[in-house]
């Protein structure tokens, strides 16, 4: 069963966020993930959407999602995202 990482991000410091993006691919590539969507302007059908970026990433399993997210190298990198933004982040089980 796939694991989906879903992040709704409100970026307030694009300079700092760029540091996160610069290191992202090198780490991400080691964990068998696939970026499904990154959108800075999604179509809002209902409610409010106070975010500047939405990200959906698929991993082969929820365990692989967590292995990537909890890795030392990602935790060092994610500090830039934490400084640059606020986010709501979840992991959901996906169907095949």
PDB file of N, CA and C in Angstrom:
ATOM      1  N   UNK A   1       0.843  -1.171   0.000  1.00  0.00           N
ATOM      2  CA  UNK A   1       0.000   0.000   0.000  1.00  0.00           C
ATOM      3  C   UNK A   1       0.893   1.242   0.000  1.00  0.00           C
ATOM      4  N   UNK A   2       0.629   2.142  -0.901  1.00  0.00           N
ATOM      5  CA  UNK A   2       1.412   3.373  -1.005  1.00  0.00           C
ATOM      6  C   UNK A   2       1.304   4.232   0.258  1.00  0.00           C
ATOM      7  N   UNK A   3       2.300   5.074   0.442  1.00  0.00           N
ATOM      8  CA  UNK A   3       2.238   6.114   1.461  1.00  0.00           C
ATOM      9  C   UNK A   3       2.291   7.454   0.754  1.00  0.00           C
ATOM     10  N   UNK A   4       1.356   8.323   1.063  1.00  0.00           N
ATOM     11  CA  UNK A   4       1.316   9.653   0.469  1.00  0.00           C
ATOM     12  C   UNK A   4       1.655  10.699   1.520  1.00  0.00           C
ATOM     13  N   UNK A   5       2.626  11.526   1.206  1.00  0.00           N
ATOM     14  CA  UNK A   5       3.016  12.675   2.025  1.00  0.00           C
ATOM     15  C   UNK A   5       2.305  13.875   1.429  1.00  0.00           C
ATOM     16  N   UNK A   6       1.498  14.555   2.226  1.00  0.00           N
ATOM     17  CA  UNK A   6       0.741  15.707   1.749  1.00  0.00           C
ATOM     18  C   UNK A   6       1.103  16.906   2.628  1.00  0.00           C
ATOM     19  N   UNK A   7       1.565  17.965   1.999  1.00  0.00           N
ATOM     20  CA  UNK A   7       1.952  19.170   2.738  1.00  0.00           C
ATOM     21  C   UNK A   7       1.222  20.376   2.173  1.00  0.00           C
ATOM     22  N   UNK A   8       0.643  21.148   3.062  1.00  0.00           N
ATOM     23  CA  UNK A   8       0.043  22.428   2.722  1.00  0.00           C
ATOM     24  C   UNK A   8       0.914  23.468   3.412  1.00  0.00           C
ATOM     25  N   UNK A   9       1.562  24.300   2.620  1.00  0.00           N
ATOM     26  CA  UNK A   9       2.632  25.161   3.128  1.00  0.00           C
ATOM     27  C   UNK A   9       2.295  26.628   2.889  1.00  0.00           C
ATOM     28  N   UNK A  10       2.561  27.434   3.896  1.00  0.00           N
ATOM     29  CA  UNK A  10       2.427  28.889   3.766  1.00  0.00           C
ATOM     30  C   UNK A  10       3.830  29.469   3.909  1.00  0.00           C
ATOM     31  N   UNK A  11       4.420  29.880   2.795  1.00  0.00           N
ATOM     32  CA  UNK A  11       5.802  30.349   2.757  1.00  0.00           C
ATOM     33  C   UNK A  11       5.843  31.850   3.021  1.00  0.00           C
ATOM     34  N   UNK A  12       6.685  32.258   3.969  1.00  0.00           N
ATOM     35  CA  UNK A  12       6.828  33.680   4.273  1.00  0.00           C
ATOM     36  C   UNK A  12       8.254  34.187   4.022  1.00  0.00           C
ATOM     37  N   UNK A  13       9.190  33.276   3.721  1.00  0.00           N
ATOM     38  CA  UNK A  13      10.578  33.662   3.436  1.00  0.00           C
ATOM     39  C   UNK A  13      11.092  32.808   2.276  1.00  0.00           C
ATOM     40  N   UNK A  14      10.902  33.323   1.057  1.00  0.00           N
ATOM     41  CA  UNK A  14      11.281  32.546  -0.127  1.00  0.00           C
ATOM     42  C   UNK A  14      12.793  32.330  -0.234  1.00  0.00           C
ATOM     43  N   UNK A  15      13.600  33.249   0.264  1.00  0.00           N
ATOM     44  CA  UNK A  15      15.059  33.088   0.233  1.00  0.00           C
ATOM     45  C   UNK A  15      15.459  31.850   1.034  1.00  0.00           C
ATOM     46  N   UNK A  16      14.925  31.720   2.244  1.00  0.00           N
ATOM     47  CA  UNK A  16      15.220  30.561   3.094  1.00  0.00           C
ATOM     48  C   UNK A  16      14.625  29.287   2.490  1.00  0.00           C
ATOM     49  N   UNK A  17      13.440  29.392   1.927  1.00  0.00           N
ATOM     50  CA  UNK A  17      12.790  28.225   1.320  1.00  0.00           C
ATOM     51  C   UNK A  17      13.605  27.701   0.140  1.00  0.00           C
ATOM     52  N   UNK A  18      14.266  28.601  -0.589  1.00  0.00           N
ATOM     53  CA  UNK A  18      15.112  28.178  -1.705  1.00  0.00           C
ATOM     54  C   UNK A  18      16.264  27.293  -1.220  1.00  0.00           C
ATOM     55  N   UNK A  19      16.772  27.526  -0.021  1.00  0.00           N
ATOM     56  CA  UNK A  19      17.818  26.662   0.547  1.00  0.00           C
ATOM     57  C   UNK A  19      17.288  25.251   0.740  1.00  0.00           C
ATOM     58  N   UNK A  20      16.040  25.154   1.144  1.00  0.00           N
ATOM     59  CA  UNK A  20      15.391  23.844   1.274  1.00  0.00           C
ATOM     60  C   UNK A  20      15.296  23.164  -0.094  1.00  0.00           C
ATOM     61  N   UNK A  21      14.836  23.892  -1.085  1.00  0.00           N
ATOM     62  CA  UNK A  21      14.672  23.322  -2.419  1.00  0.00           C
ATOM     63  C   UNK A  21      16.002  22.898  -3.040  1.00  0.00           C
ATOM     64  N   UNK A  22      17.055  23.654  -2.786  1.00  0.00           N
ATOM     65  CA  UNK A  22      18.369  23.343  -3.363  1.00  0.00           C
ATOM     66  C   UNK A  22      18.902  21.996  -2.887  1.00  0.00           C
ATOM     67  N   UNK A  23      18.596  21.593  -1.686  1.00  0.00           N
ATOM     68  CA  UNK A  23      19.094  20.330  -1.170  1.00  0.00           C
ATOM     69  C   UNK A  23      18.120  19.180  -1.272  1.00  0.00           C
ATOM     70  N   UNK A  24      16.904  19.472  -1.714  1.00  0.00           N
ATOM     71  CA  UNK A  24      15.828  18.489  -1.685  1.00  0.00           C
ATOM     72  C   UNK A  24      16.060  17.280  -2.594  1.00  0.00           C
ATOM     73  N   UNK A  25      16.368  17.497  -3.848  1.00  0.00           N
ATOM     74  CA  UNK A  25      16.470  16.397  -4.817  1.00  0.00           C
ATOM     75  C   UNK A  25      17.525  15.364  -4.434  1.00  0.00           C
ATOM     76  N   UNK A  26      18.664  15.808  -3.939  1.00  0.00           N
ATOM     77  CA  UNK A  26      19.735  14.882  -3.580  1.00  0.00           C
ATOM     78  C   UNK A  26      19.289  13.904  -2.500  1.00  0.00           C
ATOM     79  N   UNK A  27      18.548  14.383  -1.527  1.00  0.00           N
ATOM     80  CA  UNK A  27      18.078  13.525  -0.444  1.00  0.00           C
ATOM     81  C   UNK A  27      16.873  12.708  -0.899  1.00  0.00           C
ATOM     82  N   UNK A  28      15.930  13.351  -1.520  1.00  0.00           N
ATOM     83  CA  UNK A  28      14.685  12.704  -1.926  1.00  0.00           C
ATOM     84  C   UNK A  28      14.928  11.503  -2.831  1.00  0.00           C
ATOM     85  N   UNK A  29      15.877  11.618  -3.740  1.00  0.00           N
ATOM     86  CA  UNK A  29      16.147  10.558  -4.704  1.00  0.00           C
ATOM     87  C   UNK A  29      16.548   9.228  -4.093  1.00  0.00           C
ATOM     88  N   UNK A  30      16.974   9.221  -2.865  1.00  0.00           N
ATOM     89  CA  UNK A  30      17.420   7.994  -2.196  1.00  0.00           C
ATOM     90  C   UNK A  30      16.278   7.168  -1.616  1.00  0.00           C
ATOM     91  N   UNK A  31      15.056   7.685  -1.631  1.00  0.00           N
ATOM     92  CA  UNK A  31      13.968   7.055  -0.887  1.00  0.00           C
ATOM     93  C   UNK A  31      12.789   6.582  -1.734  1.00  0.00           C
ATOM     94  N   UNK A  32      12.980   6.427  -3.015  1.00  0.00           N
ATOM     95  CA  UNK A  32      11.977   5.812  -3.890  1.00  0.00           C
ATOM     96  C   UNK A  32      10.659   6.572  -3.951  1.00  0.00           C
ATOM     97  N   UNK A  33      10.711   7.860  -3.743  1.00  0.00           N
ATOM     98  CA  UNK A  33       9.488   8.653  -3.801  1.00  0.00           C
ATOM     99  C   UNK A  33       9.254   9.217  -5.189  1.00  0.00           C
ATOM    100  N   UNK A  34       8.022   9.623  -5.418  1.00  0.00           N
ATOM    101  CA  UNK A  34       7.656  10.260  -6.680  1.00  0.00           C
ATOM    102  C   UNK A  34       6.802  11.486  -6.355  1.00  0.00           C
ATOM    103  N   UNK A  35       7.250  12.641  -6.804  1.00  0.00           N
ATOM    104  CA  UNK A  35       6.461  13.851  -6.599  1.00  0.00           C
ATOM    105  C   UNK A  35       5.274  13.788  -7.555  1.00  0.00           C
ATOM    106  N   UNK A  36       4.085  13.747  -6.986  1.00  0.00           N
ATOM    107  CA  UNK A  36       2.854  13.657  -7.771  1.00  0.00           C
ATOM    108  C   UNK A  36       2.366  15.041  -8.169  1.00  0.00           C
ATOM    109  N   UNK A  37       2.447  15.987  -7.230  1.00  0.00           N
ATOM    110  CA  UNK A  37       1.963  17.339  -7.519  1.00  0.00           C
ATOM    111  C   UNK A  37       2.661  18.356  -6.634  1.00  0.00           C
ATOM    112  N   UNK A  38       2.978  19.494  -7.224  1.00  0.00           N
ATOM    113  CA  UNK A  38       3.412  20.695  -6.512  1.00  0.00           C
ATOM    114  C   UNK A  38       2.661  21.834  -7.179  1.00  0.00           C
ATOM    115  N   UNK A  39       1.873  22.555  -6.381  1.00  0.00           N
ATOM    116  CA  UNK A  39       1.052  23.607  -6.975  1.00  0.00           C
ATOM    117  C   UNK A  39       1.042  24.828  -6.063  1.00  0.00           C
ATOM    118  N   UNK A  40       1.357  25.980  -6.637  1.00  0.00           N
ATOM    119  CA  UNK A  40       1.317  27.229  -5.892  1.00  0.00           C
ATOM    120  C   UNK A  40      -0.012  27.961  -6.081  1.00  0.00           C
ATOM    121  N   UNK A  41      -0.859  27.457  -6.964  1.00  0.00           N
ATOM    122  CA  UNK A  41      -2.153  28.093  -7.225  1.00  0.00           C
ATOM    123  C   UNK A  41      -3.236  27.048  -7.497  1.00  0.00           C
ATOM    124  N   UNK A  42      -3.560  26.211  -6.510  1.00  0.00           N
ATOM    125  CA  UNK A  42      -4.602  25.207  -6.765  1.00  0.00           C
ATOM    126  C   UNK A  42      -5.971  25.861  -6.925  1.00  0.00           C
ATOM    127  N   UNK A  43      -6.861  25.170  -7.570  1.00  0.00           N
ATOM    128  CA  UNK A  43      -8.230  25.640  -7.726  1.00  0.00           C
ATOM    129  C   UNK A  43      -8.982  25.265  -6.453  1.00  0.00           C
ATOM    130  N   UNK A  44      -9.471  26.254  -5.746  1.00  0.00           N
ATOM    131  CA  UNK A  44     -10.199  26.020  -4.502  1.00  0.00           C
ATOM    132  C   UNK A  44     -11.677  25.826  -4.853  1.00  0.00           C
ATOM    133  N   UNK A  45     -12.198  24.648  -4.542  1.00  0.00           N
ATOM    134  CA  UNK A  45     -13.593  24.361  -4.833  1.00  0.00           C
ATOM    135  C   UNK A  45     -14.509  24.659  -3.654  1.00  0.00           C
ATOM    136  N   UNK A  46     -13.986  24.484  -2.435  1.00  0.00           N
ATOM    137  CA  UNK A  46     -14.783  24.757  -1.242  1.00  0.00           C
ATOM    138  C   UNK A  46     -13.872  25.285  -0.143  1.00  0.00           C
ATOM    139  N   UNK A  47     -14.388  26.167   0.667  1.00  0.00           N
ATOM    140  CA  UNK A  47     -13.659  26.655   1.827  1.00  0.00           C
ATOM    141  C   UNK A  47     -12.539  27.617   1.477  1.00  0.00           C
ATOM    142  N   UNK A  48     -11.701  27.868   2.467  1.00  0.00           N
ATOM    143  CA  UNK A  48     -10.555  28.770   2.318  1.00  0.00           C
ATOM    144  C   UNK A  48      -9.287  27.946   2.129  1.00  0.00           C
ATOM    145  N   UNK A  49      -8.328  28.495   1.457  1.00  0.00           N
ATOM    146  CA  UNK A  49      -7.042  27.821   1.222  1.00  0.00           C
ATOM    147  C   UNK A  49      -5.937  28.837   1.461  1.00  0.00           C
ATOM    148  N   UNK A  50      -5.484  28.966   2.694  1.00  0.00           N
ATOM    149  CA  UNK A  50      -4.529  30.021   3.035  1.00  0.00           C
ATOM    150  C   UNK A  50      -3.070  29.642   2.771  1.00  0.00           C
ATOM    151  N   UNK A  51      -2.836  28.675   1.899  1.00  0.00           N
ATOM    152  CA  UNK A  51      -1.481  28.172   1.663  1.00  0.00           C
ATOM    153  C   UNK A  51      -0.905  28.740   0.376  1.00  0.00           C
ATOM    154  N   UNK A  52       0.428  28.804   0.311  1.00  0.00           N
ATOM    155  CA  UNK A  52       1.087  29.269  -0.905  1.00  0.00           C
ATOM    156  C   UNK A  52       1.625  28.107  -1.734  1.00  0.00           C
ATOM    157  N   UNK A  53       1.633  26.898  -1.152  1.00  0.00           N
ATOM    158  CA  UNK A  53       2.128  25.737  -1.891  1.00  0.00           C
ATOM    159  C   UNK A  53       1.485  24.473  -1.342  1.00  0.00           C
ATOM    160  N   UNK A  54       1.126  23.572  -2.246  1.00  0.00           N
ATOM    161  CA  UNK A  54       0.621  22.253  -1.875  1.00  0.00           C
ATOM    162  C   UNK A  54       1.498  21.214  -2.551  1.00  0.00           C
ATOM    163  N   UNK A  55       1.895  20.198  -1.776  1.00  0.00           N
ATOM    164  CA  UNK A  55       2.797  19.164  -2.289  1.00  0.00           C
ATOM    165  C   UNK A  55       2.202  17.792  -1.979  1.00  0.00           C
ATOM    166  N   UNK A  56       2.206  16.906  -2.967  1.00  0.00           N
ATOM    167  CA  UNK A  56       1.795  15.514  -2.772  1.00  0.00           C
ATOM    168  C   UNK A  56       2.912  14.629  -3.310  1.00  0.00           C
ATOM    169  N   UNK A  57       3.406  13.732  -2.452  1.00  0.00           N
ATOM    170  CA  UNK A  57       4.490  12.820  -2.827  1.00  0.00           C
ATOM    171  C   UNK A  57       4.034  11.398  -2.531  1.00  0.00           C
ATOM    172  N   UNK A  58       4.297  10.481  -3.448  1.00  0.00           N
ATOM    173  CA  UNK A  58       3.940   9.074  -3.252  1.00  0.00           C
ATOM    174  C   UNK A  58       5.207   8.250  -3.024  1.00  0.00           C
ATOM    175  N   UNK A  59       5.140   7.385  -2.039  1.00  0.00           N
ATOM    176  CA  UNK A  59       6.205   6.430  -1.750  1.00  0.00           C
ATOM    177  C   UNK A  59       5.634   5.024  -1.875  1.00  0.00           C
ATOM    178  N   UNK A  60       6.484   4.017  -2.090  1.00  0.00           N
ATOM    179  CA  UNK A  60       5.999   2.641  -2.236  1.00  0.00           C
ATOM    180  C   UNK A  60       5.239   2.127  -1.016  1.00  0.00           C
ATOM    181  N   UNK A  61       5.502   2.697   0.155  1.00  0.00           N
ATOM    182  CA  UNK A  61       4.828   2.267   1.378  1.00  0.00           C
ATOM    183  C   UNK A  61       4.857   3.401   2.392  1.00  0.00           C
ATOM    184  N   UNK A  62       4.015   3.275   3.403  1.00  0.00           N
ATOM    185  CA  UNK A  62       4.021   4.262   4.467  1.00  0.00           C
ATOM    186  C   UNK A  62       5.342   4.194   5.232  1.00  0.00           C
ATOM    187  N   UNK A  63       5.896   3.001   5.361  1.00  0.00           N
ATOM    188  CA  UNK A  63       7.183   2.836   6.046  1.00  0.00           C
ATOM    189  C   UNK A  63       8.289   3.585   5.309  1.00  0.00           C
ATOM    190  N   UNK A  64       8.276   3.549   3.983  1.00  0.00           N
ATOM    191  CA  UNK A  64       9.289   4.264   3.199  1.00  0.00           C
ATOM    192  C   UNK A  64       9.112   5.772   3.324  1.00  0.00           C
ATOM    193  N   UNK A  65       7.860   6.207   3.408  1.00  0.00           N
ATOM    194  CA  UNK A  65       7.590   7.629   3.627  1.00  0.00           C
ATOM    195  C   UNK A  65       8.243   8.084   4.925  1.00  0.00           C
ATOM    196  N   UNK A  66       8.042   7.306   5.965  1.00  0.00           N
ATOM    197  CA  UNK A  66       8.576   7.664   7.276  1.00  0.00           C
ATOM    198  C   UNK A  66      10.109   7.545   7.307  1.00  0.00           C
ATOM    199  N   UNK A  67      10.651   6.572   6.592  1.00  0.00           N
ATOM    200  CA  UNK A  67      12.116   6.416   6.535  1.00  0.00           C
ATOM    201  C   UNK A  67      12.745   7.670   5.935  1.00  0.00           C
ATOM    202  N   UNK A  68      12.139   8.206   4.867  1.00  0.00           N
ATOM    203  CA  UNK A  68      12.612   9.451   4.257  1.00  0.00           C
ATOM    204  C   UNK A  68      12.448  10.623   5.227  1.00  0.00           C
ATOM    205  N   UNK A  69      11.234  10.793   5.754  1.00  0.00           N
ATOM    206  CA  UNK A  69      10.952  11.959   6.589  1.00  0.00           C
ATOM    207  C   UNK A  69      11.799  11.977   7.859  1.00  0.00           C
ATOM    208  N   UNK A  70      12.020  10.822   8.460  1.00  0.00           N
ATOM    209  CA  UNK A  70      12.753  10.744   9.723  1.00  0.00           C
ATOM    210  C   UNK A  70      14.264  10.620   9.552  1.00  0.00           C
ATOM    211  N   UNK A  71      14.733  10.530   8.313  1.00  0.00           N
ATOM    212  CA  UNK A  71      16.172  10.382   8.082  1.00  0.00           C
ATOM    213  C   UNK A  71      16.922  11.600   8.613  1.00  0.00           C
ATOM    214  N   UNK A  72      18.126  11.370   9.088  1.00  0.00           N
ATOM    215  CA  UNK A  72      18.947  12.467   9.615  1.00  0.00           C
ATOM    216  C   UNK A  72      19.184  13.540   8.564  1.00  0.00           C
ATOM    217  N   UNK A  73      19.449  13.115   7.333  1.00  0.00           N
ATOM    218  CA  UNK A  73      19.748  14.088   6.287  1.00  0.00           C
ATOM    219  C   UNK A  73      18.528  14.955   5.949  1.00  0.00           C
ATOM    220  N   UNK A  74      17.341  14.364   5.922  1.00  0.00           N
ATOM    221  CA  UNK A  74      16.162  15.187   5.657  1.00  0.00           C
ATOM    222  C   UNK A  74      15.862  16.090   6.846  1.00  0.00           C
ATOM    223  N   UNK A  75      16.024  15.607   8.047  1.00  0.00           N
ATOM    224  CA  UNK A  75      15.753  16.427   9.225  1.00  0.00           C
ATOM    225  C   UNK A  75      16.693  17.632   9.292  1.00  0.00           C
ATOM    226  N   UNK A  76      17.906  17.487   8.799  1.00  0.00           N
ATOM    227  CA  UNK A  76      18.802  18.648   8.718  1.00  0.00           C
ATOM    228  C   UNK A  76      18.303  19.651   7.680  1.00  0.00           C
ATOM    229  N   UNK A  77      17.853  19.141   6.550  1.00  0.00           N
ATOM    230  CA  UNK A  77      17.378  20.004   5.472  1.00  0.00           C
ATOM    231  C   UNK A  77      16.054  20.689   5.819  1.00  0.00           C
ATOM    232  N   UNK A  78      15.144  19.964   6.442  1.00  0.00           N
ATOM    233  CA  UNK A  78      13.805  20.497   6.695  1.00  0.00           C
ATOM    234  C   UNK A  78      13.838  21.697   7.642  1.00  0.00           C
ATOM    235  N   UNK A  79      14.938  21.897   8.331  1.00  0.00           N
ATOM    236  CA  UNK A  79      15.072  23.076   9.193  1.00  0.00           C
ATOM    237  C   UNK A  79      14.898  24.366   8.385  1.00  0.00           C
ATOM    238  N   UNK A  80      15.323  24.352   7.133  1.00  0.00           N
ATOM    239  CA  UNK A  80      15.148  25.529   6.272  1.00  0.00           C
ATOM    240  C   UNK A  80      13.661  25.771   5.988  1.00  0.00           C
ATOM    241  N   UNK A  81      12.926  24.692   5.713  1.00  0.00           N
ATOM    242  CA  UNK A  81      11.486  24.851   5.478  1.00  0.00           C
ATOM    243  C   UNK A  81      10.796  25.357   6.735  1.00  0.00           C
ATOM    244  N   UNK A  82      11.195  24.831   7.880  1.00  0.00           N
ATOM    245  CA  UNK A  82      10.588  25.274   9.139  1.00  0.00           C
ATOM    246  C   UNK A  82      10.839  26.764   9.391  1.00  0.00           C
ATOM    247  N   UNK A  83      12.033  27.244   9.057  1.00  0.00           N
ATOM    248  CA  UNK A  83      12.344  28.670   9.226  1.00  0.00           C
ATOM    249  C   UNK A  83      11.570  29.535   8.229  1.00  0.00           C
ATOM    250  N   UNK A  84      11.328  28.992   7.046  1.00  0.00           N
ATOM    251  CA  UNK A  84      10.769  29.771   5.943  1.00  0.00           C
ATOM    252  C   UNK A  84       9.251  29.734   5.856  1.00  0.00           C
ATOM    253  N   UNK A  85       8.619  28.822   6.608  1.00  0.00           N
ATOM    254  CA  UNK A  85       7.193  28.630   6.386  1.00  0.00           C
ATOM    255  C   UNK A  85       6.514  27.994   7.593  1.00  0.00           C
ATOM    256  N   UNK A  86       5.205  27.958   7.514  1.00  0.00           N
ATOM    257  CA  UNK A  86       4.416  27.123   8.408  1.00  0.00           C
ATOM    258  C   UNK A  86       3.720  26.107   7.519  1.00  0.00           C
ATOM    259  N   UNK A  87       3.416  24.945   8.070  1.00  0.00           N
ATOM    260  CA  UNK A  87       2.843  23.902   7.229  1.00  0.00           C
ATOM    261  C   UNK A  87       1.953  22.968   8.034  1.00  0.00           C
ATOM    262  N   UNK A  88       1.005  22.393   7.347  1.00  0.00           N
ATOM    263  CA  UNK A  88       0.227  21.264   7.832  1.00  0.00           C
ATOM    264  C   UNK A  88       0.661  20.089   6.968  1.00  0.00           C
ATOM    265  N   UNK A  89       1.150  19.033   7.613  1.00  0.00           N
ATOM    266  CA  UNK A  89       1.727  17.910   6.895  1.00  0.00           C
ATOM    267  C   UNK A  89       1.115  16.614   7.432  1.00  0.00           C
ATOM    268  N   UNK A  90       0.695  15.746   6.512  1.00  0.00           N
ATOM    269  CA  UNK A  90       0.153  14.451   6.903  1.00  0.00           C
ATOM    270  C   UNK A  90       0.736  13.357   6.025  1.00  0.00           C
ATOM    271  N   UNK A  91       0.609  12.125   6.497  1.00  0.00           N
ATOM    272  CA  UNK A  91       0.913  10.947   5.699  1.00  0.00           C
ATOM    273  C   UNK A  91      -0.359  10.111   5.671  1.00  0.00           C
ATOM    274  N   UNK A  92      -0.786   9.730   4.481  1.00  0.00           N
ATOM    275  CA  UNK A  92      -1.990   8.919   4.349  1.00  0.00           C
ATOM    276  C   UNK A  92      -1.670   7.642   3.589  1.00  0.00           C
ATOM    277  N   UNK A  93      -2.421   6.592   3.910  1.00  0.00           N
ATOM    278  CA  UNK A  93      -2.283   5.331   3.195  1.00  0.00           C
ATOM    279  C   UNK A  93      -3.026   5.449   1.868  1.00  0.00           C
ATOM    280  N   UNK A  94      -2.384   4.981   0.821  1.00  0.00           N
ATOM    281  CA  UNK A  94      -3.014   5.042  -0.496  1.00  0.00           C
ATOM    282  C   UNK A  94      -3.380   3.670  -0.996  1.00  0.00           C
ATOM    283  N   UNK A  95      -4.298   3.622  -1.920  1.00  0.00           N
ATOM    284  CA  UNK A  95      -4.671   2.370  -2.554  1.00  0.00           C
ATOM    285  C   UNK A  95      -3.859   2.170  -3.821  1.00  0.00           C
ATOM    286  N   UNK A  96      -3.717   0.947  -4.194  1.00  0.00           N
ATOM    287  CA  UNK A  96      -3.019   0.663  -5.453  1.00  0.00           C
ATOM    288  C   UNK A  96      -3.931   0.896  -6.613  1.00  0.00           C
TER     289      UNK A  96
END
